[in-house]
Amino acid sequence: MTQTTIALTQASDSAAAGNELGRSLRDAFGGSAPDAVVVFASARHDYDVLLAALAESAGTQCIAGSSSAGEFTDQGRGEGQVSALGIRSRDMQFAVGLGQGVSSNPVEAARQVTEAFRGISKSPLPYRSALVMTDALAGHTDALVEDLTLRTGGEYRFFGGGAGDDGRFQTTHVFVGTKSYTNAVCALEILSAKPLGIGVAHGWEPASEPMRVTEANGTQLLGLNGAPALEAIEAYARQSNQGFDAADPLPFFLHNVIGIRSPEGFRLRVPLAIGENGSIACAAAIPEGSVVHIMKANAQSAIQAARQATESALHALAGHKPAAAFVFDCVATRLRLGRAFEDELQACADLLKPAGFVGCNTYGQIARAEGQFSGFHNCTAVVCVLPE
């Protein structure tokens, strides 16, 4: 049996916020400490102060999570807040891992974080999963997910995302115990007697003709069809009768993301800024030689994607009832939808009832599960449901 409780605080003082969350979680468990806590916090907070207060008041240092760009539960959402999920379970075992130096050596970071995993060599429980939060600004998230898969022999299912900083795109942190870290990745290993459900969907479709990526360097998209990437973007804006301001391109980019064609579907990348010589800086890497489209979506397709991801996650529980869920979606989705983002969250809440959920807006989403669109994504809803 698994018990969960969800808490959300608007307290601006970091120590007060941590104490409030910890007391709320512990009170919900009749005074007992949670086995594990997952927490997402706005960049307005002093993370180490917050985490220390949370650990003391909750009675556990088995804490994982990250800074975020919008925090929410099934009961409410906002910015500048802290959301948390406490778990007590007879059917699950937990461990927290940390990997550092992601920007220089993602392979070593993956090795470090999986050192804490207890289910790699031998697990007393049949289902192995991990919540993974990474400093996406450090780059290499695609490679990191692949390395984690290799190091766990393909036996683990991963879900999570890139830490945020309230949309500033300057410095992001991951949380392990009472400390926060940059240029790092954290993971909460979840060994379970019952399956966890993971669902992934984005609701975007191709709007442009296919284009070949003729030059790219990591997150820098340099050339499309042999010309500077910016020229292709400008041509599409004219063709689709959309305004495009090179001095302020983000409003256009939020509604016109790049989709990388793959056998599984389109993996999304959000353009962020215009660089030198007509290059486009994106939120994640785009492989040179890949085929891409400019994609389109609307509020209804985003809501349907959240619904689809939640339904897939619930179906993967194989008949078990949901205890609680994690929900992740891109900060770009929140910025694009505005108040309609609440409708997306409501779609998740309606399907999960009476179970609740906790989550945040991230800088990219992580999913690795059988039957799902796996890897590192932008503008994509990722839902993980814990069984009772």
Protein backbone atom coordinates (compact mmCIF):
# COMPACT_ATOMS: atom_id res chain seq x y z
CA MET A 1 0.00 0.00 0.00
CA THR A 2 1.30 3.47 -0.90
CA GLN A 3 0.20 6.67 0.82
CA THR A 4 0.91 10.10 -0.64
CA THR A 5 0.27 13.68 0.36
CA ILE A 6 0.70 16.90 -1.61
CA ALA A 7 1.56 20.36 -0.32
CA LEU A 8 1.94 23.81 -1.90
CA THR A 9 3.17 26.95 -0.17
CA GLN A 10 3.23 30.60 -1.18
CA ALA A 11 5.46 31.62 1.73
CA SER A 12 8.20 33.94 0.48
CA ASP A 13 10.60 33.26 3.36
CA SER A 14 12.54 30.10 2.48
CA ALA A 15 12.83 28.72 6.02
CA ALA A 16 9.13 29.34 6.64
CA ALA A 17 8.24 27.66 3.33
CA GLY A 18 10.30 24.58 4.17
CA ASN A 19 8.83 24.32 7.66
CA GLU A 20 5.29 24.73 6.34
CA LEU A 21 5.73 22.01 3.75
CA GLY A 22 7.43 19.60 6.14
CA ARG A 23 4.77 20.00 8.83
CA SER A 24 1.99 19.58 6.27
CA LEU A 25 3.48 16.36 4.93
CA ARG A 26 4.19 14.90 8.35
CA ASP A 27 0.78 15.84 9.76
CA ALA A 28 -0.90 14.09 6.82
CA PHE A 29 0.98 10.90 7.77
CA GLY A 30 -0.17 11.08 11.40
CA GLY A 31 3.16 12.39 12.65
CA SER A 32 5.29 9.84 10.79
CA ALA A 33 8.10 10.95 8.50
CA PRO A 34 7.71 10.39 4.74
CA ASP A 35 9.88 7.72 3.14
CA ALA A 36 10.69 10.21 0.36
CA VAL A 37 9.89 13.80 -0.60
CA VAL A 38 9.98 15.40 -4.05
CA VAL A 39 10.06 19.21 -4.13
CA PHE A 40 9.97 21.90 -6.84
CA ALA A 41 10.84 25.49 -5.94
CA SER A 42 10.80 28.91 -7.57
CA ALA A 43 14.07 30.75 -8.16
CA ARG A 44 12.91 33.33 -5.63
CA HIS A 45 13.98 30.98 -2.82
CA ASP A 46 17.26 30.25 -1.06
CA TYR A 47 17.27 26.54 -1.84
CA ASP A 48 19.67 25.32 0.86
CA VAL A 49 17.71 27.16 3.55
CA LEU A 50 14.45 25.79 2.17
CA LEU A 51 15.71 22.21 1.97
CA ALA A 52 17.26 22.23 5.44
CA ALA A 53 13.99 23.44 6.98
CA LEU A 54 11.99 20.91 4.96
CA ALA A 55 14.23 18.00 6.00
CA GLU A 56 14.05 18.94 9.69
CA SER A 57 10.30 19.46 9.81
CA ALA A 58 9.45 16.44 7.61
CA GLY A 59 11.90 14.16 9.40
CA THR A 60 13.72 12.83 6.32
CA GLN A 61 16.69 13.66 4.10
CA CYS A 62 15.47 11.39 1.31
CA ILE A 63 14.64 14.49 -0.76
CA ALA A 64 14.97 15.06 -4.51
CA GLY A 65 13.74 17.75 -6.88
CA SER A 66 14.77 20.95 -8.59
CA SER A 67 14.27 24.63 -9.13
CA SER A 68 11.37 25.30 -11.47
CA ALA A 69 9.63 27.80 -13.76
CA GLY A 70 6.10 27.50 -12.41
CA GLU A 71 4.84 25.22 -9.64
CA PHE A 72 1.50 23.44 -9.41
CA THR A 73 -0.65 20.74 -7.87
CA ASP A 74 -4.15 19.55 -8.68
CA GLN A 75 -5.36 22.21 -6.22
CA GLY A 76 -3.65 25.25 -7.73
CA ARG A 77 -0.80 26.75 -9.73
CA GLY A 78 1.36 29.84 -9.81
CA GLU A 79 4.88 31.21 -9.91
CA GLY A 80 7.13 31.98 -6.95
CA GLN A 81 5.83 28.98 -4.96
CA VAL A 82 7.07 25.60 -3.73
CA SER A 83 5.26 22.31 -4.38
CA ALA A 84 6.03 18.97 -2.74
CA LEU A 85 4.92 15.34 -2.69
CA GLY A 86 5.49 13.10 0.32
CA ILE A 87 5.40 9.31 -0.06
CA ARG A 88 5.09 6.48 2.49
CA SER A 89 4.91 2.98 1.09
CA ARG A 90 5.19 -0.69 2.00
CA ASP A 91 5.45 -1.49 -1.72
CA MET A 92 8.26 0.91 -2.68
CA GLN A 93 11.89 1.55 -1.77
CA PHE A 94 13.70 4.82 -2.47
CA ALA A 95 17.25 6.10 -2.92
CA VAL A 96 18.58 9.49 -4.04
CA GLY A 97 21.55 9.89 -6.39
CA LEU A 98 23.61 12.87 -7.55
CA GLY A 99 25.83 13.28 -10.62
CA GLN A 100 27.97 16.39 -11.13
CA GLY A 101 29.86 17.97 -14.03
CA VAL A 102 27.15 17.35 -16.65
CA SER A 103 28.47 20.04 -19.01
CA SER A 104 31.96 18.52 -19.27
CA ASN A 105 31.27 14.80 -18.86
CA PRO A 106 27.66 13.53 -18.98
CA VAL A 107 28.89 9.92 -19.02
CA GLU A 108 30.62 10.41 -15.67
CA ALA A 109 27.59 12.26 -14.29
CA ALA A 110 25.39 9.29 -15.23
CA ARG A 111 27.84 6.93 -13.50
CA GLN A 112 27.79 9.03 -10.34
CA VAL A 113 24.02 9.31 -10.11
CA THR A 114 23.43 5.58 -10.65
CA GLU A 115 25.95 4.63 -7.96
CA ALA A 116 23.16 5.23 -5.46
CA PHE A 117 20.73 2.89 -7.26
CA ARG A 118 20.13 -0.32 -5.35
CA GLY A 119 18.20 -2.15 -8.03
CA ILE A 120 20.81 -2.37 -10.80
CA SER A 121 22.59 -5.52 -9.67
CA LYS A 122 19.69 -7.15 -7.83
CA SER A 123 16.30 -5.81 -6.89
CA PRO A 124 13.88 -7.44 -4.45
CA LEU A 125 11.09 -5.59 -6.27
CA PRO A 126 10.24 -6.18 -9.96
CA TYR A 127 9.59 -2.61 -11.20
CA ARG A 128 12.47 -0.13 -11.41
CA SER A 129 11.99 3.56 -12.17
CA ALA A 130 13.59 6.91 -11.40
CA LEU A 131 12.55 10.53 -11.32
CA VAL A 132 15.38 12.42 -13.08
CA MET A 133 15.86 16.19 -12.82
CA THR A 134 18.86 17.79 -14.53
CA ASP A 135 20.43 21.18 -15.08
CA ALA A 136 19.32 21.44 -18.71
CA LEU A 137 21.33 24.65 -19.15
CA ALA A 138 24.43 22.46 -18.76
CA GLY A 139 23.43 20.71 -22.01
CA HIS A 140 23.89 17.07 -23.04
CA THR A 141 20.48 15.98 -21.73
CA ASP A 142 19.86 13.63 -24.67
CA ALA A 143 23.23 11.99 -24.06
CA LEU A 144 22.59 11.86 -20.32
CA VAL A 145 19.29 9.99 -20.79
CA GLU A 146 21.03 7.52 -23.12
CA ASP A 147 23.87 7.01 -20.64
CA LEU A 148 21.43 6.41 -17.78
CA THR A 149 19.64 3.83 -19.93
CA LEU A 150 22.91 2.04 -20.73
CA ARG A 151 24.11 2.05 -17.12
CA THR A 152 20.85 0.53 -15.92
CA GLY A 153 20.79 -2.11 -18.65
CA GLY A 154 17.54 -0.78 -20.08
CA GLU A 155 15.71 -2.06 -16.98
CA TYR A 156 14.69 1.34 -15.60
CA ARG A 157 11.93 3.71 -16.68
CA PHE A 158 12.78 7.40 -16.38
CA PHE A 159 10.62 10.50 -16.12
CA GLY A 160 11.26 14.13 -15.14
CA GLY A 161 12.78 17.16 -16.80
CA GLY A 162 15.16 20.06 -16.86
CA ALA A 163 15.28 22.35 -13.84
CA GLY A 164 13.99 25.91 -14.33
CA ASP A 165 14.65 29.37 -12.91
CA ASP A 166 11.34 31.20 -13.39
CA GLY A 167 12.04 31.69 -17.10
CA ARG A 168 15.29 33.61 -16.61
CA PHE A 169 17.44 30.93 -18.35
CA GLN A 170 20.47 31.86 -16.23
CA THR A 171 21.14 29.32 -13.47
CA THR A 172 19.19 26.21 -12.50
CA HIS A 173 19.59 23.80 -9.60
CA VAL A 174 18.79 20.21 -8.67
CA PHE A 175 18.11 19.10 -5.09
CA VAL A 176 19.57 16.18 -3.13
CA GLY A 177 18.88 15.97 0.59
CA THR A 178 19.49 19.38 2.13
CA LYS A 179 21.70 20.77 -0.67
CA SER A 180 21.21 22.27 -4.12
CA TYR A 181 23.62 21.84 -7.04
CA THR A 182 24.22 23.42 -10.45
CA ASN A 183 25.72 21.64 -13.49
CA ALA A 184 24.33 18.43 -12.01
CA VAL A 185 21.65 15.75 -12.27
CA CYS A 186 19.68 14.14 -9.46
CA ALA A 187 17.52 11.04 -9.42
CA LEU A 188 15.04 9.47 -7.02
CA GLU A 189 15.22 5.72 -7.55
CA ILE A 190 11.83 4.04 -7.07
CA LEU A 191 11.78 0.25 -6.69
CA SER A 192 8.20 -0.96 -6.66
CA ALA A 193 6.13 -4.11 -6.27
CA LYS A 194 3.60 -2.61 -8.71
CA PRO A 195 4.09 -0.89 -12.08
CA LEU A 196 4.34 2.89 -12.36
CA GLY A 197 2.52 4.44 -15.32
CA ILE A 198 4.27 6.90 -17.66
CA GLY A 199 2.57 8.80 -20.49
CA VAL A 200 3.96 11.27 -23.05
CA ALA A 201 2.21 13.51 -25.63
CA HIS A 202 2.61 16.98 -27.17
CA GLY A 203 -0.25 17.77 -29.60
CA TRP A 204 1.89 19.58 -32.23
CA GLU A 205 1.73 18.86 -35.97
CA PRO A 206 3.84 19.89 -38.98
CA ALA A 207 3.02 23.28 -40.49
CA SER A 208 5.94 23.77 -42.89
CA GLU A 209 7.48 21.69 -45.64
CA PRO A 210 10.26 19.36 -44.49
CA MET A 211 13.74 20.89 -44.22
CA ARG A 212 17.14 19.28 -43.86
CA VAL A 213 19.43 20.43 -41.04
CA THR A 214 22.56 21.12 -43.05
CA GLU A 215 24.57 22.61 -40.19
CA ALA A 216 24.17 22.45 -36.43
CA ASN A 217 26.38 22.65 -33.36
CA GLY A 218 24.66 21.28 -30.28
CA THR A 219 21.80 23.64 -29.46
CA GLN A 220 22.80 26.07 -32.23
CA LEU A 221 20.80 25.53 -35.43
CA LEU A 222 22.99 27.07 -38.12
CA GLY A 223 21.69 25.93 -41.50
CA LEU A 224 18.48 24.63 -43.09
CA ASN A 225 18.47 23.43 -46.69
CA GLY A 226 21.93 24.96 -47.14
CA ALA A 227 20.92 28.49 -46.07
CA PRO A 228 21.11 30.26 -42.70
CA ALA A 229 18.41 28.96 -40.37
CA LEU A 230 17.01 32.45 -39.81
CA GLU A 231 16.20 32.79 -43.52
CA ALA A 232 13.99 29.69 -43.36
CA ILE A 233 12.19 31.01 -40.28
CA GLU A 234 11.57 34.39 -41.92
CA ALA A 235 10.33 32.76 -45.13
CA TYR A 236 7.87 30.61 -43.17
CA ALA A 237 6.61 33.64 -41.24
CA ARG A 238 5.85 35.44 -44.52
CA GLN A 239 4.23 32.35 -46.04
CA SER A 240 1.99 31.82 -42.99
CA ASN A 241 1.15 35.54 -42.65
CA GLN A 242 2.62 35.79 -39.18
CA GLY A 243 4.51 38.74 -37.81
CA PHE A 244 8.16 38.08 -37.04
CA ASP A 245 10.37 40.61 -35.25
CA ALA A 246 14.05 39.63 -35.29
CA ALA A 247 14.64 42.05 -32.41
CA ASP A 248 12.00 40.25 -30.30
CA PRO A 249 11.54 36.75 -31.78
CA LEU A 250 10.31 34.87 -28.71
CA PRO A 251 6.57 35.57 -29.24
CA PHE A 252 6.85 33.96 -32.68
CA PHE A 253 9.06 31.10 -31.43
CA LEU A 254 6.61 30.10 -28.68
CA HIS A 255 3.93 29.41 -31.31
CA ASN A 256 6.25 27.95 -33.96
CA VAL A 257 8.57 25.32 -32.51
CA ILE A 258 10.83 22.96 -34.44
CA GLY A 259 9.90 19.29 -34.79
CA ILE A 260 12.60 16.68 -35.48
CA ARG A 261 11.16 13.84 -37.52
CA SER A 262 11.76 10.37 -36.05
CA PRO A 263 10.19 6.92 -36.44
CA GLU A 264 8.25 7.53 -33.21
CA GLY A 265 6.92 10.95 -34.20
CA PHE A 266 8.18 14.51 -33.84
CA ARG A 267 10.58 15.42 -31.05
CA LEU A 268 10.14 19.11 -30.28
CA ARG A 269 12.75 21.85 -29.81
CA VAL A 270 11.91 25.42 -28.76
CA PRO A 271 13.85 28.21 -30.53
CA LEU A 272 14.96 30.80 -27.97
CA ALA A 273 17.06 33.48 -29.64
CA ILE A 274 18.76 34.59 -32.83
CA GLY A 275 22.54 34.18 -32.88
CA GLU A 276 25.32 35.30 -35.17
CA ASN A 277 25.19 34.79 -38.94
CA GLY A 278 21.53 33.82 -38.95
CA SER A 279 21.79 30.98 -36.42
CA ILE A 280 18.99 30.03 -34.03
CA ALA A 281 19.67 29.09 -30.39
CA CYS A 282 17.37 26.27 -29.28
CA ALA A 283 16.47 24.81 -25.89
CA ALA A 284 18.02 21.45 -26.78
CA ALA A 285 20.26 19.92 -29.41
CA ILE A 286 19.14 19.31 -32.99
CA PRO A 287 21.15 16.65 -34.87
CA GLU A 288 22.87 17.68 -38.07
CA GLY A 289 21.36 15.82 -41.04
CA SER A 290 17.96 15.41 -39.42
CA VAL A 291 14.70 16.38 -41.13
CA VAL A 292 12.67 19.05 -39.35
CA HIS A 293 9.41 20.95 -39.72
CA ILE A 294 8.12 24.12 -38.16
CA MET A 295 5.22 22.92 -36.02
CA LYS A 296 1.86 24.34 -35.01
CA ALA A 297 -0.53 23.75 -32.10
CA ASN A 298 -3.36 25.45 -30.25
CA ALA A 299 -4.81 25.46 -26.76
CA GLN A 300 -7.17 22.58 -27.49
CA SER A 301 -4.41 20.36 -28.86
CA ALA A 302 -2.29 21.06 -25.74
CA ILE A 303 -5.21 20.09 -23.50
CA GLN A 304 -5.78 16.95 -25.53
CA ALA A 305 -2.08 16.07 -25.27
CA ALA A 306 -2.22 16.36 -21.47
CA ARG A 307 -5.31 14.18 -21.47
CA GLN A 308 -3.63 11.61 -23.73
CA ALA A 309 -0.48 11.48 -21.59
CA THR A 310 -2.54 10.99 -18.43
CA GLU A 311 -4.70 8.28 -19.99
CA SER A 312 -1.58 6.43 -21.18
CA ALA A 313 -0.03 6.63 -17.72
CA LEU A 314 -3.20 5.34 -16.04
CA HIS A 315 -3.48 2.48 -18.54
CA ALA A 316 0.11 1.44 -17.75
CA LEU A 317 -0.85 0.85 -14.10
CA ALA A 318 -2.29 -2.48 -15.27
CA GLY A 319 -5.47 -2.17 -13.23
CA HIS A 320 -4.01 -0.70 -10.03
CA LYS A 321 -5.58 2.45 -8.61
CA PRO A 322 -3.57 5.69 -8.75
CA ALA A 323 -2.16 7.09 -5.50
CA ALA A 324 -0.71 10.32 -6.93
CA ALA A 325 1.00 11.59 -10.06
CA PHE A 326 3.83 13.78 -11.27
CA VAL A 327 3.03 16.15 -14.13
CA PHE A 328 5.67 18.03 -16.15
CA ASP A 329 5.25 20.44 -19.03
CA CYS A 330 7.45 23.04 -20.65
CA VAL A 331 7.70 26.63 -19.45
CA ALA A 332 7.15 27.52 -23.12
CA THR A 333 3.75 25.81 -22.97
CA ARG A 334 2.75 27.90 -19.96
CA LEU A 335 3.93 31.11 -21.60
CA ARG A 336 2.16 30.26 -24.87
CA LEU A 337 -1.15 29.24 -23.31
CA GLY A 338 -1.38 31.85 -20.56
CA ARG A 339 -4.45 31.23 -18.43
CA ALA A 340 -5.47 28.35 -20.70
CA PHE A 341 -2.61 26.36 -19.12
CA GLU A 342 -4.97 25.90 -16.17
CA ASP A 343 -7.32 24.01 -18.51
CA GLU A 344 -4.47 21.62 -19.34
CA LEU A 345 -3.87 20.96 -15.64
CA GLN A 346 -7.61 20.54 -15.07
CA ALA A 347 -7.72 17.86 -17.77
CA CYS A 348 -5.08 15.91 -15.83
CA ALA A 349 -6.91 16.45 -12.52
CA ASP A 350 -10.23 15.21 -13.90
CA LEU A 351 -8.73 11.94 -15.13
CA LEU A 352 -6.67 11.28 -11.98
CA LYS A 353 -9.43 11.88 -9.40
CA PRO A 354 -9.52 11.10 -6.56
CA ALA A 355 -5.72 11.00 -6.73
CA GLY A 356 -3.91 14.33 -6.89
CA PHE A 357 -0.74 15.44 -8.65
CA VAL A 358 2.30 17.63 -8.14
CA GLY A 359 4.57 19.08 -10.80
CA CYS A 360 6.28 22.05 -12.37
CA ASN A 361 7.13 23.79 -15.62
CA THR A 362 10.53 22.62 -16.79
CA TYR A 363 13.22 23.43 -19.36
CA GLY A 364 12.58 20.26 -21.32
CA GLN A 365 10.96 16.97 -20.31
CA ILE A 366 12.45 13.50 -19.81
CA ALA A 367 10.64 10.23 -20.54
CA ARG A 368 12.01 6.73 -21.09
CA ALA A 369 9.45 3.93 -20.95
CA GLU A 370 8.30 1.06 -23.13
CA GLY A 371 5.53 1.98 -25.52
CA GLN A 372 6.16 5.71 -25.07
CA PHE A 373 7.88 8.42 -27.11
CA SER A 374 11.21 8.29 -25.27
CA GLY A 375 14.05 10.75 -24.77
CA PHE A 376 14.38 14.48 -24.07
CA HIS A 377 11.58 16.74 -25.25
CA ASN A 378 10.36 20.36 -25.32
CA CYS A 379 6.70 21.48 -25.16
CA THR A 380 5.63 17.98 -24.20
CA ALA A 381 3.42 16.74 -21.37
CA VAL A 382 4.97 13.95 -19.28
CA VAL A 383 2.83 12.24 -16.63
CA CYS A 384 3.95 9.56 -14.17
CA VAL A 385 1.34 7.90 -11.95
CA LEU A 386 2.24 6.09 -8.72
CA PRO A 387 0.03 3.08 -7.83
CA GLU A 388 -1.71 2.71 -4.49
